[in-house]
Amino acid sequence: MPRILVLDDNLLISALLEEWLLELGCEVAGPVPLVKEALRLIEKTSIDAAFLDLSVGDGDCTPVAVALEKQRVPFTFATGGGMDGIESRFPTAAVMNKPYDFQDVKSAVDRMLSVQPARERT
């Protein structure tokens, strides 16, 4: 079962995203509302893919994207606003504009997991 990290500080959005990921047969890491919590999860568990809200309570998600990129974990940015030049820093990452729906999430998961197959769990 692929483990997907969710970083989003909007409780309603993160709960809905978690529900959809569970429906798609994924395990959810989080959801977490803060960059520091996402970084802790990345350090202590294996992550297969991630959804990252661009701006959360303790700053932008760039440190999380960098950590995931170092581990070659695919991620999708979720934003309700502009990209603020982040697409040039992370050209291989996809962007999902809010509000998104189940099909958007399914497509993003399919794309991310095709980039890197799910790891075996013991």
PDB file of N, CA and C in Angstrom:
ATOM      1  N   MET A   1       0.855  -1.172   0.000  1.00  0.00           N
ATOM      2  CA  MET A   1       0.000   0.000   0.000  1.00  0.00           C
ATOM      3  C   MET A   1       0.904   1.240   0.000  1.00  0.00           C
ATOM      4  N   PRO A   2       0.764   2.100  -0.997  1.00  0.00           N
ATOM      5  CA  PRO A   2       1.606   3.302  -1.050  1.00  0.00           C
ATOM      6  C   PRO A   2       1.275   4.270   0.078  1.00  0.00           C
ATOM      7  N   ARG A   3       2.315   4.880   0.635  1.00  0.00           N
ATOM      8  CA  ARG A   3       2.145   5.849   1.718  1.00  0.00           C
ATOM      9  C   ARG A   3       2.305   7.250   1.131  1.00  0.00           C
ATOM     10  N   ILE A   4       1.257   8.065   1.278  1.00  0.00           N
ATOM     11  CA  ILE A   4       1.224   9.411   0.717  1.00  0.00           C
ATOM     12  C   ILE A   4       1.228  10.433   1.845  1.00  0.00           C
ATOM     13  N   LEU A   5       2.187  11.332   1.804  1.00  0.00           N
ATOM     14  CA  LEU A   5       2.257  12.429   2.764  1.00  0.00           C
ATOM     15  C   LEU A   5       1.297  13.539   2.344  1.00  0.00           C
ATOM     16  N   VAL A   6       0.558  14.058   3.306  1.00  0.00           N
ATOM     17  CA  VAL A   6      -0.320  15.202   3.056  1.00  0.00           C
ATOM     18  C   VAL A   6       0.108  16.340   3.977  1.00  0.00           C
ATOM     19  N   LEU A   7       0.540  17.443   3.371  1.00  0.00           N
ATOM     20  CA  LEU A   7       0.878  18.665   4.098  1.00  0.00           C
ATOM     21  C   LEU A   7      -0.130  19.728   3.681  1.00  0.00           C
ATOM     22  N   ASP A   8      -1.030  20.057   4.593  1.00  0.00           N
ATOM     23  CA  ASP A   8      -2.037  21.093   4.327  1.00  0.00           C
ATOM     24  C   ASP A   8      -2.563  21.584   5.663  1.00  0.00           C
ATOM     25  N   ASP A   9      -2.656  22.904   5.836  1.00  0.00           N
ATOM     26  CA  ASP A   9      -3.119  23.442   7.115  1.00  0.00           C
ATOM     27  C   ASP A   9      -4.614  23.752   7.139  1.00  0.00           C
ATOM     28  N   ASN A  10      -5.319  23.441   6.060  1.00  0.00           N
ATOM     29  CA  ASN A  10      -6.764  23.600   6.042  1.00  0.00           C
ATOM     30  C   ASN A  10      -7.378  22.257   6.437  1.00  0.00           C
ATOM     31  N   LEU A  11      -8.020  22.213   7.610  1.00  0.00           N
ATOM     32  CA  LEU A  11      -8.536  20.947   8.131  1.00  0.00           C
ATOM     33  C   LEU A  11      -9.552  20.282   7.205  1.00  0.00           C
ATOM     34  N   LEU A  12     -10.416  21.060   6.609  1.00  0.00           N
ATOM     35  CA  LEU A  12     -11.425  20.482   5.716  1.00  0.00           C
ATOM     36  C   LEU A  12     -10.794  19.884   4.466  1.00  0.00           C
ATOM     37  N   ILE A  13      -9.866  20.614   3.873  1.00  0.00           N
ATOM     38  CA  ILE A  13      -9.202  20.123   2.668  1.00  0.00           C
ATOM     39  C   ILE A  13      -8.376  18.882   2.978  1.00  0.00           C
ATOM     40  N   SER A  14      -7.615  18.913   4.070  1.00  0.00           N
ATOM     41  CA  SER A  14      -6.770  17.761   4.386  1.00  0.00           C
ATOM     42  C   SER A  14      -7.612  16.534   4.738  1.00  0.00           C
ATOM     43  N   ALA A  15      -8.738  16.722   5.410  1.00  0.00           N
ATOM     44  CA  ALA A  15      -9.616  15.599   5.736  1.00  0.00           C
ATOM     45  C   ALA A  15     -10.221  14.997   4.471  1.00  0.00           C
ATOM     46  N   LEU A  16     -10.641  15.839   3.545  1.00  0.00           N
ATOM     47  CA  LEU A  16     -11.204  15.354   2.292  1.00  0.00           C
ATOM     48  C   LEU A  16     -10.141  14.630   1.470  1.00  0.00           C
ATOM     49  N   LEU A  17      -8.945  15.198   1.396  1.00  0.00           N
ATOM     50  CA  LEU A  17      -7.856  14.568   0.659  1.00  0.00           C
ATOM     51  C   LEU A  17      -7.507  13.217   1.290  1.00  0.00           C
ATOM     52  N   GLU A  18      -7.462  13.164   2.609  1.00  0.00           N
ATOM     53  CA  GLU A  18      -7.191  11.896   3.302  1.00  0.00           C
ATOM     54  C   GLU A  18      -8.253  10.855   2.957  1.00  0.00           C
ATOM     55  N   GLU A  19      -9.515  11.251   2.986  1.00  0.00           N
ATOM     56  CA  GLU A  19     -10.611  10.330   2.666  1.00  0.00           C
ATOM     57  C   GLU A  19     -10.463   9.781   1.249  1.00  0.00           C
ATOM     58  N   TRP A  20     -10.170  10.652   0.296  1.00  0.00           N
ATOM     59  CA  TRP A  20     -10.005  10.219  -1.096  1.00  0.00           C
ATOM     60  C   TRP A  20      -8.807   9.291  -1.258  1.00  0.00           C
ATOM     61  N   LEU A  21      -7.703   9.591  -0.576  1.00  0.00           N
ATOM     62  CA  LEU A  21      -6.517   8.733  -0.673  1.00  0.00           C
ATOM     63  C   LEU A  21      -6.796   7.354  -0.093  1.00  0.00           C
ATOM     64  N   LEU A  22      -7.509   7.297   1.021  1.00  0.00           N
ATOM     65  CA  LEU A  22      -7.890   6.003   1.593  1.00  0.00           C
ATOM     66  C   LEU A  22      -8.777   5.235   0.616  1.00  0.00           C
ATOM     67  N   GLU A  23      -9.691   5.935  -0.026  1.00  0.00           N
ATOM     68  CA  GLU A  23     -10.566   5.317  -1.015  1.00  0.00           C
ATOM     69  C   GLU A  23      -9.764   4.755  -2.193  1.00  0.00           C
ATOM     70  N   LEU A  24      -8.647   5.391  -2.509  1.00  0.00           N
ATOM     71  CA  LEU A  24      -7.784   4.938  -3.605  1.00  0.00           C
ATOM     72  C   LEU A  24      -6.814   3.835  -3.160  1.00  0.00           C
ATOM     73  N   GLY A  25      -6.928   3.406  -1.910  1.00  0.00           N
ATOM     74  CA  GLY A  25      -6.091   2.320  -1.423  1.00  0.00           C
ATOM     75  C   GLY A  25      -4.725   2.753  -0.939  1.00  0.00           C
ATOM     76  N   CYS A  26      -4.594   4.006  -0.568  1.00  0.00           N
ATOM     77  CA  CYS A  26      -3.322   4.530  -0.073  1.00  0.00           C
ATOM     78  C   CYS A  26      -3.346   4.616   1.445  1.00  0.00           C
ATOM     79  N   GLU A  27      -2.159   4.582   2.027  1.00  0.00           N
ATOM     80  CA  GLU A  27      -1.984   4.876   3.439  1.00  0.00           C
ATOM     81  C   GLU A  27      -1.599   6.351   3.509  1.00  0.00           C
ATOM     82  N   VAL A  28      -2.148   7.080   4.463  1.00  0.00           N
ATOM     83  CA  VAL A  28      -1.877   8.511   4.556  1.00  0.00           C
ATOM     84  C   VAL A  28      -0.897   8.784   5.687  1.00  0.00           C
ATOM     85  N   ALA A  29       0.185   9.481   5.353  1.00  0.00           N
ATOM     86  CA  ALA A  29       1.128   9.976   6.362  1.00  0.00           C
ATOM     87  C   ALA A  29       0.675  11.387   6.683  1.00  0.00           C
ATOM     88  N   GLY A  30       0.195  11.577   7.892  1.00  0.00           N
ATOM     89  CA  GLY A  30      -0.410  12.843   8.265  1.00  0.00           C
ATOM     90  C   GLY A  30      -1.914  12.663   8.289  1.00  0.00           C
ATOM     91  N   PRO A  31      -2.643  13.634   7.831  1.00  0.00           N
ATOM     92  CA  PRO A  31      -2.172  14.916   7.317  1.00  0.00           C
ATOM     93  C   PRO A  31      -1.535  15.756   8.421  1.00  0.00           C
ATOM     94  N   VAL A  32      -0.585  16.568   8.016  1.00  0.00           N
ATOM     95  CA  VAL A  32       0.079  17.476   8.934  1.00  0.00           C
ATOM     96  C   VAL A  32      -0.097  18.910   8.451  1.00  0.00           C
ATOM     97  N   PRO A  33      -0.220  19.874   9.400  1.00  0.00           N
ATOM     98  CA  PRO A  33      -0.449  21.263   9.021  1.00  0.00           C
ATOM     99  C   PRO A  33       0.815  22.123   8.971  1.00  0.00           C
ATOM    100  N   LEU A  34       1.953  21.562   9.383  1.00  0.00           N
ATOM    101  CA  LEU A  34       3.168  22.361   9.495  1.00  0.00           C
ATOM    102  C   LEU A  34       4.345  21.714   8.786  1.00  0.00           C
ATOM    103  N   VAL A  35       5.230  22.543   8.242  1.00  0.00           N
ATOM    104  CA  VAL A  35       6.434  22.076   7.565  1.00  0.00           C
ATOM    105  C   VAL A  35       7.268  21.215   8.505  1.00  0.00           C
ATOM    106  N   LYS A  36       7.461  21.657   9.741  1.00  0.00           N
ATOM    107  CA  LYS A  36       8.313  20.917  10.671  1.00  0.00           C
ATOM    108  C   LYS A  36       7.755  19.525  10.949  1.00  0.00           C
ATOM    109  N   GLU A  37       6.440  19.382  10.982  1.00  0.00           N
ATOM    110  CA  GLU A  37       5.836  18.064  11.192  1.00  0.00           C
ATOM    111  C   GLU A  37       6.028  17.177   9.968  1.00  0.00           C
ATOM    112  N   ALA A  38       5.913  17.754   8.785  1.00  0.00           N
ATOM    113  CA  ALA A  38       6.135  16.997   7.544  1.00  0.00           C
ATOM    114  C   ALA A  38       7.580  16.511   7.473  1.00  0.00           C
ATOM    115  N   LEU A  39       8.522  17.364   7.852  1.00  0.00           N
ATOM    116  CA  LEU A  39       9.936  16.978   7.825  1.00  0.00           C
ATOM    117  C   LEU A  39      10.213  15.841   8.810  1.00  0.00           C
ATOM    118  N   ARG A  40       9.571  15.876   9.977  1.00  0.00           N
ATOM    119  CA  ARG A  40       9.723  14.785  10.949  1.00  0.00           C
ATOM    120  C   ARG A  40       9.205  13.466  10.374  1.00  0.00           C
ATOM    121  N   LEU A  41       8.042  13.529   9.703  1.00  0.00           N
ATOM    122  CA  LEU A  41       7.489  12.315   9.097  1.00  0.00           C
ATOM    123  C   LEU A  41       8.420  11.755   8.026  1.00  0.00           C
ATOM    124  N   ILE A  42       8.984  12.624   7.212  1.00  0.00           N
ATOM    125  CA  ILE A  42       9.895  12.185   6.152  1.00  0.00           C
ATOM    126  C   ILE A  42      11.122  11.502   6.745  1.00  0.00           C
ATOM    127  N   GLU A  43      11.594  12.010   7.868  1.00  0.00           N
ATOM    128  CA  GLU A  43      12.769  11.430   8.528  1.00  0.00           C
ATOM    129  C   GLU A  43      12.497  10.053   9.113  1.00  0.00           C
ATOM    130  N   LYS A  44      11.295   9.842   9.655  1.00  0.00           N
ATOM    131  CA  LYS A  44      11.078   8.604  10.392  1.00  0.00           C
ATOM    132  C   LYS A  44      10.235   7.548   9.679  1.00  0.00           C
ATOM    133  N   THR A  45       9.736   7.831   8.499  1.00  0.00           N
ATOM    134  CA  THR A  45       8.947   6.836   7.779  1.00  0.00           C
ATOM    135  C   THR A  45       9.223   6.934   6.285  1.00  0.00           C
ATOM    136  N   SER A  46       8.968   5.873   5.577  1.00  0.00           N
ATOM    137  CA  SER A  46       9.148   5.927   4.124  1.00  0.00           C
ATOM    138  C   SER A  46       7.881   6.513   3.492  1.00  0.00           C
ATOM    139  N   ILE A  47       8.102   7.392   2.557  1.00  0.00           N
ATOM    140  CA  ILE A  47       7.021   8.083   1.851  1.00  0.00           C
ATOM    141  C   ILE A  47       7.152   7.735   0.375  1.00  0.00           C
ATOM    142  N   ASP A  48       6.030   7.415  -0.269  1.00  0.00           N
ATOM    143  CA  ASP A  48       6.044   7.066  -1.689  1.00  0.00           C
ATOM    144  C   ASP A  48       5.687   8.243  -2.585  1.00  0.00           C
ATOM    145  N   ALA A  49       4.942   9.198  -2.052  1.00  0.00           N
ATOM    146  CA  ALA A  49       4.528  10.384  -2.808  1.00  0.00           C
ATOM    147  C   ALA A  49       3.953  11.387  -1.813  1.00  0.00           C
ATOM    148  N   ALA A  50       3.701  12.614  -2.286  1.00  0.00           N
ATOM    149  CA  ALA A  50       3.208  13.638  -1.357  1.00  0.00           C
ATOM    150  C   ALA A  50       2.377  14.695  -2.073  1.00  0.00           C
ATOM    151  N   PHE A  51       1.426  15.233  -1.321  1.00  0.00           N
ATOM    152  CA  PHE A  51       0.675  16.425  -1.715  1.00  0.00           C
ATOM    153  C   PHE A  51       1.115  17.534  -0.775  1.00  0.00           C
ATOM    154  N   LEU A  52       1.584  18.641  -1.345  1.00  0.00           N
ATOM    155  CA  LEU A  52       2.119  19.741  -0.550  1.00  0.00           C
ATOM    156  C   LEU A  52       1.367  21.028  -0.821  1.00  0.00           C
ATOM    157  N   ASP A  53       0.701  21.551   0.204  1.00  0.00           N
ATOM    158  CA  ASP A  53       0.117  22.887   0.110  1.00  0.00           C
ATOM    159  C   ASP A  53       1.296  23.856   0.075  1.00  0.00           C
ATOM    160  N   LEU A  54       1.268  24.795  -0.841  1.00  0.00           N
ATOM    161  CA  LEU A  54       2.406  25.704  -1.004  1.00  0.00           C
ATOM    162  C   LEU A  54       2.696  26.529   0.237  1.00  0.00           C
ATOM    163  N   SER A  55       1.669  26.993   0.904  1.00  0.00           N
ATOM    164  CA  SER A  55       1.864  27.871   2.051  1.00  0.00           C
ATOM    165  C   SER A  55       1.059  27.346   3.233  1.00  0.00           C
ATOM    166  N   VAL A  56       1.772  27.029   4.321  1.00  0.00           N
ATOM    167  CA  VAL A  56       1.111  26.538   5.532  1.00  0.00           C
ATOM    168  C   VAL A  56       1.500  27.428   6.711  1.00  0.00           C
ATOM    169  N   GLY A  57       1.011  27.090   7.879  1.00  0.00           N
ATOM    170  CA  GLY A  57       1.162  27.942   9.053  1.00  0.00           C
ATOM    171  C   GLY A  57       2.571  28.363   9.406  1.00  0.00           C
ATOM    172  N   ASP A  58       3.555  27.502   9.180  1.00  0.00           N
ATOM    173  CA  ASP A  58       4.920  27.866   9.548  1.00  0.00           C
ATOM    174  C   ASP A  58       5.807  28.157   8.332  1.00  0.00           C
ATOM    175  N   GLY A  59       5.192  28.554   7.223  1.00  0.00           N
ATOM    176  CA  GLY A  59       5.976  28.975   6.056  1.00  0.00           C
ATOM    177  C   GLY A  59       5.605  28.246   4.790  1.00  0.00           C
ATOM    178  N   ASP A  60       6.451  28.440   3.770  1.00  0.00           N
ATOM    179  CA  ASP A  60       6.165  27.740   2.516  1.00  0.00           C
ATOM    180  C   ASP A  60       6.746  26.332   2.581  1.00  0.00           C
ATOM    181  N   CYS A  61       6.303  25.487   1.681  1.00  0.00           N
ATOM    182  CA  CYS A  61       6.630  24.064   1.727  1.00  0.00           C
ATOM    183  C   CYS A  61       7.967  23.716   1.075  1.00  0.00           C
ATOM    184  N   THR A  62       8.745  24.698   0.666  1.00  0.00           N
ATOM    185  CA  THR A  62      10.005  24.439  -0.024  1.00  0.00           C
ATOM    186  C   THR A  62      10.914  23.468   0.721  1.00  0.00           C
ATOM    187  N   PRO A  63      11.120  23.595   2.046  1.00  0.00           N
ATOM    188  CA  PRO A  63      11.991  22.628   2.731  1.00  0.00           C
ATOM    189  C   PRO A  63      11.504  21.181   2.599  1.00  0.00           C
ATOM    190  N   VAL A  64      10.199  20.996   2.583  1.00  0.00           N
ATOM    191  CA  VAL A  64       9.637  19.652   2.440  1.00  0.00           C
ATOM    192  C   VAL A  64       9.876  19.150   1.018  1.00  0.00           C
ATOM    193  N   ALA A  65       9.651  20.002   0.037  1.00  0.00           N
ATOM    194  CA  ALA A  65       9.889  19.623  -1.352  1.00  0.00           C
ATOM    195  C   ALA A  65      11.357  19.250  -1.566  1.00  0.00           C
ATOM    196  N   VAL A  66      12.265  20.008  -0.981  1.00  0.00           N
ATOM    197  CA  VAL A  66      13.698  19.717  -1.097  1.00  0.00           C
ATOM    198  C   VAL A  66      14.015  18.360  -0.474  1.00  0.00           C
ATOM    199  N   ALA A  67      13.478  18.095   0.719  1.00  0.00           N
ATOM    200  CA  ALA A  67      13.722  16.816   1.396  1.00  0.00           C
ATOM    201  C   ALA A  67      13.184  15.651   0.573  1.00  0.00           C
ATOM    202  N   LEU A  68      12.006  15.819  -0.003  1.00  0.00           N
ATOM    203  CA  LEU A  68      11.430  14.760  -0.830  1.00  0.00           C
ATOM    204  C   LEU A  68      12.243  14.562  -2.101  1.00  0.00           C
ATOM    205  N   GLU A  69      12.659  15.645  -2.699  1.00  0.00           N
ATOM    206  CA  GLU A  69      13.452  15.579  -3.916  1.00  0.00           C
ATOM    207  C   GLU A  69      14.764  14.828  -3.670  1.00  0.00           C
ATOM    208  N   LYS A  70      15.399  15.055  -2.539  1.00  0.00           N
ATOM    209  CA  LYS A  70      16.637  14.353  -2.188  1.00  0.00           C
ATOM    210  C   LYS A  70      16.422  12.849  -2.101  1.00  0.00           C
ATOM    211  N   GLN A  71      15.233  12.451  -1.660  1.00  0.00           N
ATOM    212  CA  GLN A  71      14.899  11.026  -1.551  1.00  0.00           C
ATOM    213  C   GLN A  71      14.252  10.484  -2.825  1.00  0.00           C
ATOM    214  N   ARG A  72      14.148  11.343  -3.823  1.00  0.00           N
ATOM    215  CA  ARG A  72      13.528  10.981  -5.114  1.00  0.00           C
ATOM    216  C   ARG A  72      12.076  10.539  -4.953  1.00  0.00           C
ATOM    217  N   VAL A  73      11.375  11.246  -4.083  1.00  0.00           N
ATOM    218  CA  VAL A  73       9.953  10.992  -3.847  1.00  0.00           C
ATOM    219  C   VAL A  73       9.156  12.013  -4.652  1.00  0.00           C
ATOM    220  N   PRO A  74       8.276  11.554  -5.544  1.00  0.00           N
ATOM    221  CA  PRO A  74       7.469  12.496  -6.332  1.00  0.00           C
ATOM    222  C   PRO A  74       6.442  13.214  -5.468  1.00  0.00           C
ATOM    223  N   PHE A  75       6.146  14.445  -5.848  1.00  0.00           N
ATOM    224  CA  PHE A  75       5.162  15.222  -5.094  1.00  0.00           C
ATOM    225  C   PHE A  75       4.376  16.114  -6.037  1.00  0.00           C
ATOM    226  N   THR A  76       3.218  16.532  -5.532  1.00  0.00           N
ATOM    227  CA  THR A  76       2.334  17.436  -6.261  1.00  0.00           C
ATOM    228  C   THR A  76       2.055  18.628  -5.357  1.00  0.00           C
ATOM    229  N   PHE A  77       2.249  19.826  -5.906  1.00  0.00           N
ATOM    230  CA  PHE A  77       1.905  21.033  -5.167  1.00  0.00           C
ATOM    231  C   PHE A  77       0.407  21.268  -5.281  1.00  0.00           C
ATOM    232  N   ALA A  78      -0.209  21.693  -4.189  1.00  0.00           N
ATOM    233  CA  ALA A  78      -1.616  22.080  -4.189  1.00  0.00           C
ATOM    234  C   ALA A  78      -1.670  23.553  -3.828  1.00  0.00           C
ATOM    235  N   THR A  79      -2.357  24.325  -4.637  1.00  0.00           N
ATOM    236  CA  THR A  79      -2.392  25.759  -4.380  1.00  0.00           C
ATOM    237  C   THR A  79      -3.735  26.364  -4.757  1.00  0.00           C
ATOM    238  N   GLY A  80      -4.091  27.353  -3.998  1.00  0.00           N
ATOM    239  CA  GLY A  80      -5.281  28.132  -4.307  1.00  0.00           C
ATOM    240  C   GLY A  80      -4.902  29.486  -4.861  1.00  0.00           C
ATOM    241  N   GLY A  81      -3.624  29.720  -4.980  1.00  0.00           N
ATOM    242  CA  GLY A  81      -3.132  31.011  -5.462  1.00  0.00           C
ATOM    243  C   GLY A  81      -2.040  30.824  -6.492  1.00  0.00           C
ATOM    244  N   GLY A  82      -1.136  31.781  -6.544  1.00  0.00           N
ATOM    245  CA  GLY A  82      -0.051  31.739  -7.517  1.00  0.00           C
ATOM    246  C   GLY A  82       1.062  30.800  -7.092  1.00  0.00           C
ATOM    247  N   MET A  83       1.943  30.504  -8.023  1.00  0.00           N
ATOM    248  CA  MET A  83       3.046  29.595  -7.767  1.00  0.00           C
ATOM    249  C   MET A  83       4.290  30.312  -7.243  1.00  0.00           C
ATOM    250  N   ASP A  84       4.345  31.623  -7.337  1.00  0.00           N
ATOM    251  CA  ASP A  84       5.475  32.399  -6.814  1.00  0.00           C
ATOM    252  C   ASP A  84       6.829  31.882  -7.286  1.00  0.00           C
ATOM    253  N   GLY A  85       6.908  31.428  -8.535  1.00  0.00           N
ATOM    254  CA  GLY A  85       8.174  30.998  -9.121  1.00  0.00           C
ATOM    255  C   GLY A  85       8.643  29.628  -8.691  1.00  0.00           C
ATOM    256  N   ILE A  86       7.843  28.912  -7.925  1.00  0.00           N
ATOM    257  CA  ILE A  86       8.282  27.609  -7.421  1.00  0.00           C
ATOM    258  C   ILE A  86       8.408  26.567  -8.531  1.00  0.00           C
ATOM    259  N   GLU A  87       7.654  26.744  -9.623  1.00  0.00           N
ATOM    260  CA  GLU A  87       7.728  25.765 -10.708  1.00  0.00           C
ATOM    261  C   GLU A  87       9.095  25.752 -11.378  1.00  0.00           C
ATOM    262  N   SER A  88       9.811  26.849 -11.332  1.00  0.00           N
ATOM    263  CA  SER A  88      11.154  26.858 -11.901  1.00  0.00           C
ATOM    264  C   SER A  88      12.141  26.122 -10.985  1.00  0.00           C
ATOM    265  N   ARG A  89      11.881  26.132  -9.700  1.00  0.00           N
ATOM    266  CA  ARG A  89      12.738  25.418  -8.743  1.00  0.00           C
ATOM    267  C   ARG A  89      12.486  23.912  -8.768  1.00  0.00           C
ATOM    268  N   PHE A  90      11.243  23.514  -9.025  1.00  0.00           N
ATOM    269  CA  PHE A  90      10.853  22.107  -9.028  1.00  0.00           C
ATOM    270  C   PHE A  90      10.108  21.792 -10.331  1.00  0.00           C
ATOM    271  N   PRO A  91      10.822  21.753 -11.452  1.00  0.00           N
ATOM    272  CA  PRO A  91      10.164  21.623 -12.755  1.00  0.00           C
ATOM    273  C   PRO A  91       9.459  20.287 -12.986  1.00  0.00           C
ATOM    274  N   THR A  92       9.820  19.239 -12.249  1.00  0.00           N
ATOM    275  CA  THR A  92       9.174  17.943 -12.478  1.00  0.00           C
ATOM    276  C   THR A  92       7.928  17.743 -11.619  1.00  0.00           C
ATOM    277  N   ALA A  93       7.699  18.647 -10.671  1.00  0.00           N
ATOM    278  CA  ALA A  93       6.533  18.509  -9.798  1.00  0.00           C
ATOM    279  C   ALA A  93       5.271  18.988 -10.515  1.00  0.00           C
ATOM    280  N   ALA A  94       4.190  18.285 -10.247  1.00  0.00           N
ATOM    281  CA  ALA A  94       2.903  18.691 -10.807  1.00  0.00           C
ATOM    282  C   ALA A  94       2.252  19.712  -9.876  1.00  0.00           C
ATOM    283  N   VAL A  95       1.261  20.398 -10.408  1.00  0.00           N
ATOM    284  CA  VAL A  95       0.510  21.379  -9.639  1.00  0.00           C
ATOM    285  C   VAL A  95      -0.976  21.045  -9.748  1.00  0.00           C
ATOM    286  N   MET A  96      -1.641  21.058  -8.626  1.00  0.00           N
ATOM    287  CA  MET A  96      -3.074  20.818  -8.573  1.00  0.00           C
ATOM    288  C   MET A  96      -3.707  22.073  -7.982  1.00  0.00           C
ATOM    289  N   ASN A  97      -4.553  22.726  -8.749  1.00  0.00           N
ATOM    290  CA  ASN A  97      -5.180  23.961  -8.293  1.00  0.00           C
ATOM    291  C   ASN A  97      -6.414  23.668  -7.450  1.00  0.00           C
ATOM    292  N   LYS A  98      -6.518  24.402  -6.341  1.00  0.00           N
ATOM    293  CA  LYS A  98      -7.699  24.304  -5.486  1.00  0.00           C
ATOM    294  C   LYS A  98      -8.797  25.170  -6.073  1.00  0.00           C
ATOM    295  N   PRO A  99     -10.021  24.765  -6.014  1.00  0.00           N
ATOM    296  CA  PRO A  99     -10.490  23.503  -5.460  1.00  0.00           C
ATOM    297  C   PRO A  99     -10.283  22.362  -6.457  1.00  0.00           C
ATOM    298  N   TYR A 100      -9.872  21.226  -5.954  1.00  0.00           N
ATOM    299  CA  TYR A 100      -9.706  20.054  -6.809  1.00  0.00           C
ATOM    300  C   TYR A 100     -10.749  19.026  -6.415  1.00  0.00           C
ATOM    301  N   ASP A 101     -10.903  17.995  -7.253  1.00  0.00           N
ATOM    302  CA  ASP A 101     -11.908  16.972  -6.983  1.00  0.00           C
ATOM    303  C   ASP A 101     -11.253  15.593  -6.950  1.00  0.00           C
ATOM    304  N   PHE A 102     -12.061  14.585  -6.740  1.00  0.00           N
ATOM    305  CA  PHE A 102     -11.560  13.219  -6.616  1.00  0.00           C
ATOM    306  C   PHE A 102     -10.754  12.810  -7.847  1.00  0.00           C
ATOM    307  N   GLN A 103     -11.251  13.119  -9.025  1.00  0.00           N
ATOM    308  CA  GLN A 103     -10.550  12.724 -10.247  1.00  0.00           C
ATOM    309  C   GLN A 103      -9.184  13.405 -10.351  1.00  0.00           C
ATOM    310  N   ASP A 104      -9.080  14.653  -9.931  1.00  0.00           N
ATOM    311  CA  ASP A 104      -7.783  15.349  -9.914  1.00  0.00           C
ATOM    312  C   ASP A 104      -6.791  14.613  -9.000  1.00  0.00           C
ATOM    313  N   VAL A 105      -7.275  14.205  -7.832  1.00  0.00           N
ATOM    314  CA  VAL A 105      -6.431  13.503  -6.868  1.00  0.00           C
ATOM    315  C   VAL A 105      -6.023  12.141  -7.425  1.00  0.00           C
ATOM    316  N   LYS A 106      -6.967  11.426  -7.993  1.00  0.00           N
ATOM    317  CA  LYS A 106      -6.664  10.105  -8.577  1.00  0.00           C
ATOM    318  C   LYS A 106      -5.622  10.233  -9.682  1.00  0.00           C
ATOM    319  N   SER A 107      -5.782  11.207 -10.550  1.00  0.00           N
ATOM    320  CA  SER A 107      -4.815  11.415 -11.633  1.00  0.00           C
ATOM    321  C   SER A 107      -3.434  11.745 -11.081  1.00  0.00           C
ATOM    322  N   ALA A 108      -3.391  12.583 -10.049  1.00  0.00           N
ATOM    323  CA  ALA A 108      -2.111  12.957  -9.446  1.00  0.00           C
ATOM    324  C   ALA A 108      -1.443  11.748  -8.789  1.00  0.00           C
ATOM    325  N   VAL A 109      -2.216  10.938  -8.084  1.00  0.00           N
ATOM    326  CA  VAL A 109      -1.667   9.735  -7.452  1.00  0.00           C
ATOM    327  C   VAL A 109      -1.139   8.780  -8.516  1.00  0.00           C
ATOM    328  N   ASP A 110      -1.927   8.544  -9.547  1.00  0.00           N
ATOM    329  CA  ASP A 110      -1.493   7.655 -10.634  1.00  0.00           C
ATOM    330  C   ASP A 110      -0.186   8.146 -11.249  1.00  0.00           C
ATOM    331  N   ARG A 111      -0.098   9.444 -11.479  1.00  0.00           N
ATOM    332  CA  ARG A 111       1.110  10.012 -12.079  1.00  0.00           C
ATOM    333  C   ARG A 111       2.301   9.860 -11.147  1.00  0.00           C
ATOM    334  N   MET A 112       2.118  10.210  -9.878  1.00  0.00           N
ATOM    335  CA  MET A 112       3.239  10.144  -8.934  1.00  0.00           C
ATOM    336  C   MET A 112       3.717   8.709  -8.728  1.00  0.00           C
ATOM    337  N   LEU A 113       2.788   7.773  -8.614  1.00  0.00           N
ATOM    338  CA  LEU A 113       3.187   6.394  -8.368  1.00  0.00           C
ATOM    339  C   LEU A 113       3.770   5.735  -9.610  1.00  0.00           C
ATOM    340  N   SER A 114       3.469   6.262 -10.779  1.00  0.00           N
ATOM    341  CA  SER A 114       4.102   5.722 -11.993  1.00  0.00           C
ATOM    342  C   SER A 114       5.533   6.215 -12.111  1.00  0.00           C
ATOM    343  N   VAL A 115       5.848   7.334 -11.466  1.00  0.00           N
ATOM    344  CA  VAL A 115       7.206   7.867 -11.454  1.00  0.00           C
ATOM    345  C   VAL A 115       8.088   6.991 -10.570  1.00  0.00           C
ATOM    346  N   GLN A 116       7.559   6.579  -9.433  1.00  0.00           N
ATOM    347  CA  GLN A 116       8.308   5.753  -8.492  1.00  0.00           C
ATOM    348  C   GLN A 116       7.383   4.681  -7.942  1.00  0.00           C
ATOM    349  N   PRO A 117       7.677   3.416  -8.217  1.00  0.00           N
ATOM    350  CA  PRO A 117       6.807   2.355  -7.701  1.00  0.00           C
ATOM    351  C   PRO A 117       6.780   2.327  -6.181  1.00  0.00           C
ATOM    352  N   ALA A 118       5.676   1.871  -5.634  1.00  0.00           N
ATOM    353  CA  ALA A 118       5.530   1.783  -4.188  1.00  0.00           C
ATOM    354  C   ALA A 118       6.591   0.846  -3.620  1.00  0.00           C
ATOM    355  N   ARG A 119       7.111   1.211  -2.466  1.00  0.00           N
ATOM    356  CA  ARG A 119       8.131   0.382  -1.798  1.00  0.00           C
ATOM    357  C   ARG A 119       7.464  -0.772  -1.096  1.00  0.00           C
ATOM    358  N   GLU A 120       8.221  -1.854  -0.969  1.00  0.00           N
ATOM    359  CA  GLU A 120       7.734  -3.014  -0.213  1.00  0.00           C
ATOM    360  C   GLU A 120       7.765  -2.683   1.269  1.00  0.00           C
ATOM    361  N   ARG A 121       6.776  -3.075   1.983  1.00  0.00           N
ATOM    362  CA  ARG A 121       6.701  -2.851   3.427  1.00  0.00           C
ATOM    363  C   ARG A 121       6.927  -4.182   4.141  1.00  0.00           C
ATOM    364  N   THR A 122       7.561  -4.103   5.276  1.00  0.00           N
ATOM    365  CA  THR A 122       7.722  -5.317   6.084  1.00  0.00           C
ATOM    366  C   THR A 122       6.941  -5.201   7.356  1.00  0.00           C
TER     367      THR A 122
END
